[in-house]
């Protein structure tokens, strides 16, 4: 059985290529400056149905070097984007499920992972990919606090190096 790419799969193809990024992470303690990092990401396709994004870069705040791996696809039966994210700095595998806005510019991926404020608990997170242009996208990560509000974690600007 050979699946045919849908419009949503074609939307994901916009991310294929070589990218550089500059990220800014929220300070670990109130009153401290945001932490910055840079890196690169290579995004390729698996048969036009899946994206594989391999990232390499420095950890925020100069905490060493990290590698990351993201997969993204679209499940027509569920009507949702699906995927995963794993990083060399942690043991948790993040599982994505999300939707694209009506304008086709913002992909919001919901996930659940370790609560960084309460040991042993899980929290809700979102990674939001915003297409600014063919050569510029923004990844915003946030978490849902106990206060019921979304709090920013990271904002990364990706610029296309090669298409």
N, C-alpha and C. Protein backbone atom coordinates (compact mmCIF):
# COMPACT_ATOMS: atom_id res chain seq x y z
N UNK A 1 0.85 -1.18 0.00
CA UNK A 1 0.00 0.00 0.00
C UNK A 1 0.90 1.24 0.00
N UNK A 2 0.74 2.06 -0.99
CA UNK A 2 1.55 3.27 -1.13
C UNK A 2 0.69 4.49 -0.85
N UNK A 3 1.04 5.23 0.18
CA UNK A 3 0.29 6.44 0.54
C UNK A 3 0.66 7.57 -0.41
N UNK A 4 -0.31 8.38 -0.73
CA UNK A 4 -0.10 9.55 -1.58
C UNK A 4 -0.01 10.80 -0.70
N UNK A 5 0.97 11.65 -0.96
CA UNK A 5 1.07 12.89 -0.18
C UNK A 5 -0.18 13.76 -0.32
N UNK A 6 -0.63 14.30 0.80
CA UNK A 6 -1.77 15.21 0.85
C UNK A 6 -1.24 16.66 0.83
N UNK A 7 -2.15 17.61 0.82
CA UNK A 7 -1.76 19.03 0.85
C UNK A 7 -0.92 19.33 2.08
N UNK A 8 -1.24 18.70 3.21
CA UNK A 8 -0.49 18.93 4.45
C UNK A 8 0.95 18.42 4.33
N UNK A 9 1.13 17.32 3.63
CA UNK A 9 2.50 16.81 3.40
C UNK A 9 3.28 17.79 2.54
N UNK A 10 2.61 18.34 1.54
CA UNK A 10 3.27 19.33 0.67
C UNK A 10 3.62 20.59 1.47
N UNK A 11 2.80 20.96 2.45
CA UNK A 11 3.12 22.10 3.30
C UNK A 11 4.43 21.83 4.04
N UNK A 12 4.60 20.64 4.56
CA UNK A 12 5.82 20.29 5.29
C UNK A 12 7.07 20.40 4.42
N UNK A 13 6.91 20.19 3.11
CA UNK A 13 8.07 20.27 2.20
C UNK A 13 8.72 21.65 2.21
N UNK A 14 7.99 22.66 2.66
CA UNK A 14 8.55 24.02 2.75
C UNK A 14 9.74 24.06 3.71
N UNK A 15 9.84 23.09 4.61
CA UNK A 15 10.90 23.08 5.61
C UNK A 15 12.15 22.35 5.14
N UNK A 16 12.08 21.66 4.01
CA UNK A 16 13.24 20.90 3.51
C UNK A 16 14.37 21.85 3.15
N UNK A 17 15.59 21.50 3.56
CA UNK A 17 16.77 22.29 3.21
C UNK A 17 17.76 22.37 4.36
N UNK A 18 18.74 23.22 4.16
CA UNK A 18 19.77 23.49 5.18
C UNK A 18 19.45 24.83 5.82
N UNK A 19 19.47 24.86 7.15
CA UNK A 19 19.10 26.05 7.90
C UNK A 19 20.16 26.36 8.95
N UNK A 20 20.31 27.64 9.26
CA UNK A 20 21.07 28.04 10.45
C UNK A 20 20.05 28.67 11.40
N UNK A 21 20.35 28.62 12.69
CA UNK A 21 19.41 29.21 13.64
C UNK A 21 20.12 29.95 14.75
N UNK A 22 19.40 30.92 15.28
CA UNK A 22 19.80 31.65 16.49
C UNK A 22 18.62 31.54 17.45
N UNK A 23 18.89 31.04 18.66
CA UNK A 23 17.84 30.82 19.64
C UNK A 23 18.07 31.65 20.89
N UNK A 24 16.98 32.00 21.52
CA UNK A 24 17.02 32.70 22.80
C UNK A 24 16.10 31.96 23.76
N UNK A 25 16.65 31.53 24.89
CA UNK A 25 15.89 30.78 25.89
C UNK A 25 15.64 31.65 27.11
N UNK A 26 14.49 31.42 27.71
CA UNK A 26 14.16 32.13 28.94
C UNK A 26 15.23 31.87 29.99
N UNK A 27 15.54 32.85 30.78
CA UNK A 27 16.54 32.72 31.85
C UNK A 27 16.08 31.69 32.86
N UNK A 28 17.02 30.89 33.39
CA UNK A 28 16.64 29.87 34.37
C UNK A 28 16.16 30.46 35.69
N UNK A 29 16.60 31.66 36.01
CA UNK A 29 16.20 32.33 37.26
C UNK A 29 15.69 33.73 36.93
N UNK A 30 14.64 34.18 37.62
CA UNK A 30 14.14 35.54 37.40
C UNK A 30 15.24 36.58 37.58
N UNK A 31 15.22 37.59 36.74
CA UNK A 31 16.19 38.66 36.84
C UNK A 31 17.48 38.41 36.08
N UNK A 32 17.68 37.19 35.57
CA UNK A 32 18.88 36.88 34.79
C UNK A 32 18.58 37.11 33.31
N UNK A 33 19.62 37.35 32.51
CA UNK A 33 19.39 37.56 31.08
C UNK A 33 19.03 36.26 30.37
N UNK A 34 18.35 36.39 29.24
CA UNK A 34 18.03 35.23 28.41
C UNK A 34 19.32 34.57 27.93
N UNK A 35 19.26 33.27 27.68
CA UNK A 35 20.42 32.53 27.19
C UNK A 35 20.32 32.37 25.69
N UNK A 36 21.44 32.54 25.00
CA UNK A 36 21.44 32.47 23.54
C UNK A 36 22.26 31.29 23.07
N UNK A 37 21.90 30.79 21.88
CA UNK A 37 22.65 29.71 21.26
C UNK A 37 22.48 29.78 19.74
N UNK A 38 23.35 29.08 19.03
CA UNK A 38 23.28 29.04 17.58
C UNK A 38 23.49 27.60 17.13
N UNK A 39 23.14 27.33 15.88
CA UNK A 39 23.35 25.99 15.34
C UNK A 39 22.88 25.89 13.91
N UNK A 40 22.81 24.65 13.44
CA UNK A 40 22.38 24.36 12.08
C UNK A 40 21.39 23.21 12.11
N UNK A 41 20.58 23.12 11.07
CA UNK A 41 19.62 22.03 10.95
C UNK A 41 19.52 21.60 9.50
N UNK A 42 19.52 20.30 9.28
CA UNK A 42 19.33 19.72 7.95
C UNK A 42 17.98 19.02 7.95
N UNK A 43 17.11 19.40 7.03
CA UNK A 43 15.76 18.83 6.95
C UNK A 43 15.63 18.12 5.62
N UNK A 44 15.27 16.83 5.69
CA UNK A 44 15.08 16.04 4.48
C UNK A 44 13.72 15.35 4.54
N UNK A 45 13.32 14.77 3.43
CA UNK A 45 12.02 14.10 3.36
C UNK A 45 12.20 12.60 3.23
N UNK A 46 11.23 11.87 3.73
CA UNK A 46 11.13 10.42 3.52
C UNK A 46 9.92 10.20 2.64
N UNK A 47 10.14 10.04 1.35
CA UNK A 47 9.07 9.73 0.42
C UNK A 47 7.99 10.78 0.28
N UNK A 48 8.28 12.01 0.66
CA UNK A 48 7.28 13.07 0.56
C UNK A 48 6.22 13.03 1.64
N UNK A 49 6.31 12.05 2.55
CA UNK A 49 5.30 11.91 3.61
C UNK A 49 5.81 12.33 4.98
N UNK A 50 7.10 12.22 5.20
CA UNK A 50 7.70 12.53 6.50
C UNK A 50 8.87 13.47 6.33
N UNK A 51 9.07 14.32 7.33
CA UNK A 51 10.28 15.13 7.41
C UNK A 51 11.15 14.57 8.51
N UNK A 52 12.45 14.63 8.29
CA UNK A 52 13.44 14.30 9.31
C UNK A 52 14.34 15.52 9.42
N UNK A 53 14.37 16.14 10.60
CA UNK A 53 15.16 17.35 10.83
C UNK A 53 16.24 17.03 11.85
N UNK A 54 17.49 17.12 11.42
CA UNK A 54 18.62 16.83 12.30
C UNK A 54 19.32 18.14 12.64
N UNK A 55 19.34 18.47 13.93
CA UNK A 55 19.94 19.72 14.39
C UNK A 55 21.22 19.49 15.16
N UNK A 56 22.11 20.48 15.09
CA UNK A 56 23.38 20.46 15.82
C UNK A 56 23.66 21.89 16.27
N UNK A 57 24.05 22.03 17.53
CA UNK A 57 24.35 23.38 17.99
C UNK A 57 24.77 23.40 19.44
N UNK A 58 25.05 24.62 19.87
CA UNK A 58 25.47 24.80 21.26
C UNK A 58 24.25 24.83 22.17
N UNK A 59 24.43 24.37 23.39
CA UNK A 59 23.37 24.44 24.39
C UNK A 59 23.24 25.90 24.85
N UNK A 60 22.02 26.32 25.18
CA UNK A 60 21.84 27.68 25.70
C UNK A 60 22.70 27.91 26.94
N UNK A 61 23.27 29.10 27.02
CA UNK A 61 24.10 29.43 28.17
C UNK A 61 25.48 28.82 28.14
N UNK A 62 25.88 28.27 26.98
CA UNK A 62 27.23 27.71 26.86
C UNK A 62 27.41 26.38 27.54
N UNK A 63 26.35 25.61 27.70
CA UNK A 63 26.42 24.34 28.41
C UNK A 63 26.84 23.16 27.56
N UNK A 64 27.62 23.37 26.51
CA UNK A 64 28.09 22.26 25.68
C UNK A 64 27.38 22.20 24.35
N UNK A 65 27.49 21.06 23.71
CA UNK A 65 27.01 20.82 22.36
C UNK A 65 25.85 19.82 22.40
N UNK A 66 24.85 20.00 21.55
CA UNK A 66 23.69 19.11 21.52
C UNK A 66 23.34 18.74 20.09
N UNK A 67 22.74 17.57 19.93
CA UNK A 67 22.16 17.16 18.66
C UNK A 67 20.68 16.85 18.91
N UNK A 68 19.86 17.11 17.91
CA UNK A 68 18.42 16.88 18.03
C UNK A 68 17.91 16.18 16.77
N UNK A 69 16.78 15.50 16.92
CA UNK A 69 16.15 14.83 15.79
C UNK A 69 14.64 15.02 15.91
N UNK A 70 14.05 15.63 14.88
CA UNK A 70 12.60 15.83 14.83
C UNK A 70 12.05 15.09 13.62
N UNK A 71 10.91 14.44 13.80
CA UNK A 71 10.17 13.88 12.67
C UNK A 71 8.82 14.57 12.63
N UNK A 72 8.33 14.84 11.43
CA UNK A 72 6.99 15.42 11.27
C UNK A 72 6.32 14.80 10.06
N UNK A 73 5.05 14.53 10.20
CA UNK A 73 4.24 14.01 9.11
C UNK A 73 2.80 14.45 9.32
N UNK A 74 1.92 13.88 8.52
CA UNK A 74 0.50 14.19 8.64
C UNK A 74 -0.27 12.88 8.55
N UNK A 75 -1.19 12.68 9.47
CA UNK A 75 -2.03 11.48 9.50
C UNK A 75 -3.43 11.87 9.03
N UNK A 76 -3.78 11.55 7.76
CA UNK A 76 -5.09 11.94 7.23
C UNK A 76 -6.26 11.33 8.00
N UNK A 77 -6.09 10.12 8.54
CA UNK A 77 -7.19 9.50 9.29
C UNK A 77 -7.53 10.30 10.55
N UNK A 78 -6.52 10.82 11.20
CA UNK A 78 -6.72 11.60 12.42
C UNK A 78 -6.93 13.08 12.12
N UNK A 79 -6.55 13.51 10.91
CA UNK A 79 -6.66 14.93 10.56
C UNK A 79 -5.71 15.78 11.37
N UNK A 80 -4.53 15.23 11.72
CA UNK A 80 -3.57 15.92 12.58
C UNK A 80 -2.15 15.70 12.07
N UNK A 81 -1.32 16.71 12.29
CA UNK A 81 0.11 16.55 12.10
C UNK A 81 0.63 15.73 13.27
N UNK A 82 1.59 14.86 13.02
CA UNK A 82 2.15 13.99 14.05
C UNK A 82 3.66 13.98 13.93
N UNK A 83 4.34 13.65 15.03
CA UNK A 83 5.79 13.58 14.96
C UNK A 83 6.42 13.33 16.32
N UNK A 84 7.73 13.45 16.33
CA UNK A 84 8.52 13.23 17.54
C UNK A 84 9.66 14.22 17.59
N UNK A 85 10.23 14.37 18.80
CA UNK A 85 11.45 15.17 18.99
C UNK A 85 12.27 14.49 20.06
N UNK A 86 13.57 14.33 19.78
CA UNK A 86 14.51 13.76 20.75
C UNK A 86 15.77 14.61 20.73
N UNK A 87 16.40 14.75 21.89
CA UNK A 87 17.63 15.52 22.00
C UNK A 87 18.67 14.78 22.82
N UNK A 88 19.92 15.04 22.50
CA UNK A 88 21.03 14.37 23.19
C UNK A 88 21.18 14.81 24.64
N UNK A 89 20.42 15.81 25.06
CA UNK A 89 20.54 16.34 26.42
C UNK A 89 19.51 15.76 27.39
N UNK A 90 18.61 14.88 26.89
CA UNK A 90 17.57 14.35 27.79
C UNK A 90 17.12 12.97 27.32
N UNK A 91 16.45 12.25 28.21
CA UNK A 91 16.00 10.89 27.91
C UNK A 91 14.54 10.83 27.48
N UNK A 92 13.82 11.93 27.54
CA UNK A 92 12.39 11.94 27.20
C UNK A 92 12.21 12.04 25.68
N UNK A 93 11.34 11.19 25.12
CA UNK A 93 10.94 11.29 23.73
C UNK A 93 9.63 12.08 23.69
N UNK A 94 9.67 13.22 23.02
CA UNK A 94 8.50 14.10 22.91
C UNK A 94 7.66 13.62 21.73
N UNK A 95 6.36 13.45 21.95
CA UNK A 95 5.43 12.99 20.91
C UNK A 95 4.53 14.18 20.54
N UNK A 96 4.53 14.52 19.25
CA UNK A 96 3.75 15.66 18.77
C UNK A 96 2.41 15.24 18.17
N UNK A 97 1.44 16.13 18.33
CA UNK A 97 0.19 16.08 17.59
C UNK A 97 -0.26 17.52 17.43
N UNK A 98 -0.61 17.93 16.20
CA UNK A 98 -0.95 19.34 16.04
C UNK A 98 -1.75 19.67 14.82
N UNK A 99 -1.98 20.98 14.66
CA UNK A 99 -2.81 21.50 13.58
C UNK A 99 -2.16 22.73 12.95
N UNK A 100 -2.56 22.97 11.71
CA UNK A 100 -2.12 24.14 10.94
C UNK A 100 -3.24 25.17 10.96
N UNK A 101 -2.88 26.44 11.13
CA UNK A 101 -3.91 27.49 11.13
C UNK A 101 -4.51 27.65 9.74
N UNK A 102 -5.65 28.33 9.67
CA UNK A 102 -6.38 28.49 8.41
C UNK A 102 -5.57 29.22 7.34
N UNK A 103 -4.67 30.11 7.75
CA UNK A 103 -3.86 30.87 6.80
C UNK A 103 -2.68 30.05 6.27
N UNK A 104 -2.42 28.89 6.85
CA UNK A 104 -1.32 28.06 6.39
C UNK A 104 0.05 28.58 6.78
N UNK A 105 0.12 29.34 7.85
CA UNK A 105 1.40 29.94 8.27
C UNK A 105 1.91 29.39 9.60
N UNK A 106 1.02 28.89 10.46
CA UNK A 106 1.41 28.52 11.82
C UNK A 106 1.00 27.07 12.12
N UNK A 107 2.00 26.24 12.40
CA UNK A 107 1.78 24.85 12.79
C UNK A 107 2.00 24.75 14.30
N UNK A 108 0.95 24.43 15.05
CA UNK A 108 1.03 24.30 16.50
C UNK A 108 1.07 22.83 16.86
N UNK A 109 2.15 22.42 17.51
CA UNK A 109 2.36 21.03 17.90
C UNK A 109 2.25 20.90 19.41
N UNK A 110 1.28 20.14 19.86
CA UNK A 110 1.09 19.90 21.29
C UNK A 110 1.89 18.67 21.70
N UNK A 111 2.41 18.70 22.93
CA UNK A 111 3.18 17.57 23.46
C UNK A 111 3.14 17.61 24.97
N UNK A 112 3.68 16.57 25.58
CA UNK A 112 3.75 16.49 27.03
C UNK A 112 5.14 16.00 27.40
N UNK A 113 5.67 16.57 28.49
CA UNK A 113 7.01 16.18 28.90
C UNK A 113 7.28 16.53 30.34
N UNK A 114 8.52 16.32 30.78
CA UNK A 114 8.87 16.58 32.17
C UNK A 114 8.56 18.02 32.58
N UNK A 115 7.95 18.17 33.73
CA UNK A 115 7.68 19.49 34.28
C UNK A 115 8.98 19.99 34.91
N UNK A 116 9.54 21.04 34.36
CA UNK A 116 10.82 21.55 34.83
C UNK A 116 10.71 22.28 36.16
N UNK A 117 9.48 22.45 36.65
CA UNK A 117 9.30 23.12 37.93
C UNK A 117 8.86 22.16 39.04
N UNK A 118 8.51 20.91 38.69
CA UNK A 118 8.04 19.95 39.70
C UNK A 118 8.58 18.57 39.35
N UNK A 119 9.57 18.13 40.07
CA UNK A 119 10.23 16.84 39.86
C UNK A 119 9.22 15.70 39.80
N UNK A 120 9.35 14.85 38.78
CA UNK A 120 8.52 13.66 38.67
C UNK A 120 7.14 13.88 38.06
N UNK A 121 6.80 15.10 37.71
CA UNK A 121 5.49 15.39 37.12
C UNK A 121 5.66 15.70 35.63
N UNK A 122 4.54 15.63 34.91
CA UNK A 122 4.51 15.99 33.50
C UNK A 122 3.77 17.30 33.33
N UNK A 123 4.10 18.01 32.25
CA UNK A 123 3.45 19.28 31.93
C UNK A 123 3.11 19.29 30.44
N UNK A 124 2.22 20.17 30.05
CA UNK A 124 1.85 20.35 28.64
C UNK A 124 2.76 21.42 28.03
N UNK A 125 3.18 21.15 26.78
CA UNK A 125 4.05 22.06 26.04
C UNK A 125 3.50 22.23 24.63
N UNK A 126 3.97 23.28 23.96
CA UNK A 126 3.69 23.49 22.54
C UNK A 126 4.97 23.94 21.86
N UNK A 127 5.21 23.38 20.68
CA UNK A 127 6.21 23.91 19.76
C UNK A 127 5.42 24.48 18.59
N UNK A 128 5.67 25.74 18.29
CA UNK A 128 4.90 26.44 17.27
C UNK A 128 5.85 26.88 16.16
N UNK A 129 5.61 26.38 14.95
CA UNK A 129 6.42 26.73 13.79
C UNK A 129 5.65 27.77 12.98
N UNK A 130 6.24 28.95 12.83
CA UNK A 130 5.62 30.04 12.06
C UNK A 130 6.46 30.31 10.83
N UNK A 131 5.83 30.25 9.66
CA UNK A 131 6.51 30.54 8.41
C UNK A 131 6.45 32.05 8.17
N UNK A 132 7.60 32.70 8.25
CA UNK A 132 7.68 34.14 7.98
C UNK A 132 7.87 34.40 6.49
N UNK A 133 8.65 33.55 5.82
CA UNK A 133 8.87 33.62 4.37
C UNK A 133 9.46 32.27 3.96
N UNK A 134 9.73 32.08 2.67
CA UNK A 134 10.32 30.82 2.21
C UNK A 134 11.67 30.54 2.87
N UNK A 135 12.36 31.59 3.30
CA UNK A 135 13.71 31.45 3.84
C UNK A 135 13.84 31.81 5.31
N UNK A 136 12.72 32.00 5.99
CA UNK A 136 12.75 32.37 7.41
C UNK A 136 11.55 31.75 8.11
N UNK A 137 11.84 30.98 9.16
CA UNK A 137 10.79 30.43 9.99
C UNK A 137 11.18 30.63 11.46
N UNK A 138 10.18 30.61 12.32
CA UNK A 138 10.41 30.82 13.75
C UNK A 138 9.81 29.63 14.50
N UNK A 139 10.58 29.09 15.43
CA UNK A 139 10.10 28.04 16.33
C UNK A 139 9.96 28.65 17.72
N UNK A 140 8.75 28.62 18.25
CA UNK A 140 8.49 29.13 19.59
C UNK A 140 8.06 27.96 20.46
N UNK A 141 8.74 27.77 21.59
CA UNK A 141 8.37 26.72 22.53
C UNK A 141 7.81 27.36 23.79
N UNK A 142 6.73 26.76 24.31
CA UNK A 142 6.14 27.28 25.53
C UNK A 142 5.55 26.13 26.36
N UNK A 143 5.31 26.41 27.65
CA UNK A 143 4.73 25.41 28.53
C UNK A 143 3.54 26.01 29.27
N UNK A 144 2.60 25.13 29.63
CA UNK A 144 1.39 25.54 30.33
C UNK A 144 1.66 25.45 31.82
N UNK A 145 1.68 26.60 32.48
CA UNK A 145 1.96 26.66 33.90
C UNK A 145 0.78 26.24 34.76
N UNK A 146 1.05 26.03 36.03
CA UNK A 146 0.00 25.68 37.00
C UNK A 146 -1.04 26.79 37.10
N UNK A 147 -0.66 28.02 36.69
CA UNK A 147 -1.58 29.15 36.71
C UNK A 147 -2.54 29.16 35.51
N UNK A 148 -2.41 28.13 34.61
CA UNK A 148 -3.29 28.04 33.45
C UNK A 148 -2.88 28.93 32.28
N UNK A 149 -1.71 29.57 32.39
CA UNK A 149 -1.22 30.46 31.32
C UNK A 149 -0.04 29.81 30.61
N UNK A 150 0.14 30.15 29.33
CA UNK A 150 1.29 29.69 28.57
C UNK A 150 2.48 30.60 28.87
N UNK A 151 3.64 29.98 29.09
CA UNK A 151 4.87 30.71 29.41
C UNK A 151 5.92 30.36 28.36
N UNK A 152 6.60 31.39 27.85
CA UNK A 152 7.61 31.20 26.82
C UNK A 152 8.85 30.50 27.35
N UNK A 153 9.40 29.60 26.54
CA UNK A 153 10.65 28.92 26.86
C UNK A 153 11.76 29.34 25.90
N UNK A 154 11.50 29.14 24.61
CA UNK A 154 12.53 29.38 23.60
C UNK A 154 11.92 30.00 22.36
N UNK A 155 12.66 30.89 21.72
CA UNK A 155 12.32 31.39 20.40
C UNK A 155 13.56 31.24 19.53
N UNK A 156 13.41 30.53 18.42
CA UNK A 156 14.53 30.30 17.50
C UNK A 156 14.16 30.78 16.11
N UNK A 157 15.03 31.59 15.53
CA UNK A 157 14.86 32.06 14.15
C UNK A 157 15.74 31.21 13.24
N UNK A 158 15.10 30.55 12.28
CA UNK A 158 15.79 29.71 11.31
C UNK A 158 15.86 30.45 9.98
N UNK A 159 17.05 30.48 9.41
CA UNK A 159 17.27 31.13 8.10
C UNK A 159 17.83 30.08 7.14
N UNK A 160 17.22 30.03 5.96
CA UNK A 160 17.64 29.04 4.96
C UNK A 160 19.04 29.35 4.45
N UNK A 161 19.88 28.33 4.45
CA UNK A 161 21.24 28.44 3.91
C UNK A 161 21.24 27.87 2.49
N UNK A 162 20.56 26.73 2.33
CA UNK A 162 20.43 26.06 1.02
C UNK A 162 19.05 25.43 0.96
N UNK A 163 18.47 25.44 -0.24
CA UNK A 163 17.13 24.98 -0.39
C UNK A 163 16.95 23.60 -0.77
